[in-house]
């Protein structure tokens, strides 16, 4: 129901804004831009997202099936079973979903989007098997979506690379602020969902795991602070890809040890790749077209002007408003937010306050509506409960944290 209101709202707001521009500003091309945007976004949903995703899904569902037959996914599940049993009490400790969740979160933290999505979709399917109400999001599914939409990333390689492309004198200067902002977003997601689901986060297991994760993040931050830009990019790239390759080889080695027909296991898993992608195309096209209408109508620009006027009433330093398009676009479209980030760096300078802050916004949150449409659309969830609110609250926390650390680090 929430997605229904959001989807319709994008269209109605876009139409009203376009109508105002036509009547009062004489913009006769606004309707043409909106219509063209609907076709473009529909094509993007299929050709730009679904078809490339089909290939990636085919590949990684094949590898995931190897891992499951080798027992690797279940082994990973046992490692994190105690922790996940507190955050996801509906999931049995030895269920394969635990391992799938861990692999998805790990891939997200390493910035491996192409690997994270298939792993996440597989995990969502496993959670749906445990869901007693197939059309309603379960508690475990909401916690999973909230953690995904919080966008925790330890190695923001693509952001650093784009800053270097934009001729930043020090592309890595946003690394530490970014980790702080994304950690705030993730912790907010955990606390909010735990409050809604009455999960006790003060028990020894959760505290020790969260403390260990934060300690690991701190050590990574300290380690990367000792590196220059070139070294950081090399270490980030090598570490991410090496870990990914080790996962693949580890799955295969385990399968060989257990005398599993590795190639047959890969093919059996890969067969689901294309059919899984077909299921999500309608949801992706629908959401992307609505976002396109909102942008093409000029509603986004109008919203930005209103925000700037509002903050100026309180004599607040409004430099952060120049970077807000990235923050506002991020929950709607990852590629759109990335374009906004690049545009901010090109307009104001990569090392300007707005340029740096736009990078923090890009890494501090994730594409909430995209993720919810993708994951819930796959398993047929129609009643999302408070999943959208959880994702947006985590995004908001990341945005606020990004603004504070930007002023703290960059003046």
Foldseek 3Di string as FASTA:
>chain_A
DVVVCVLVVLQVVLVVLLVCCCVPVVPPCLVVQLVVLLVVLLCCLVVVPLVVLLVLLLQQLLLVLLLVLLCNLQVQLLVCLVVVCLLPVLDHSRQSLSSLLVQLLVCLQLVVVSNNVSSLLVSLVSVCVSDPDLQADDLNNLLSLLLVFQRNYQQPLVQLVLLVVLVDPASCLLNVLLNQLSVQLNVLLSVVSCVVVVRDCPDPSNVVVVVVVVVVSVVSVVVLVVDGSVVSSVCSVCVSVVVVVCSSVVSVVSCVVVVHPSVVSSNVSSVVSSVLSVLLSVLSSSLSSSVSSSVSSCVLVVVLVVVQVVCVVVVDDCPQSLLCVLLVCFLRDLVSSVVSLSVSCNVVNCLDLSNSLSSSLSNRGHNSSNSCSSNCSSSNHDHHDCSSVSSVSSSVSSSVSSVVVSVVSPD
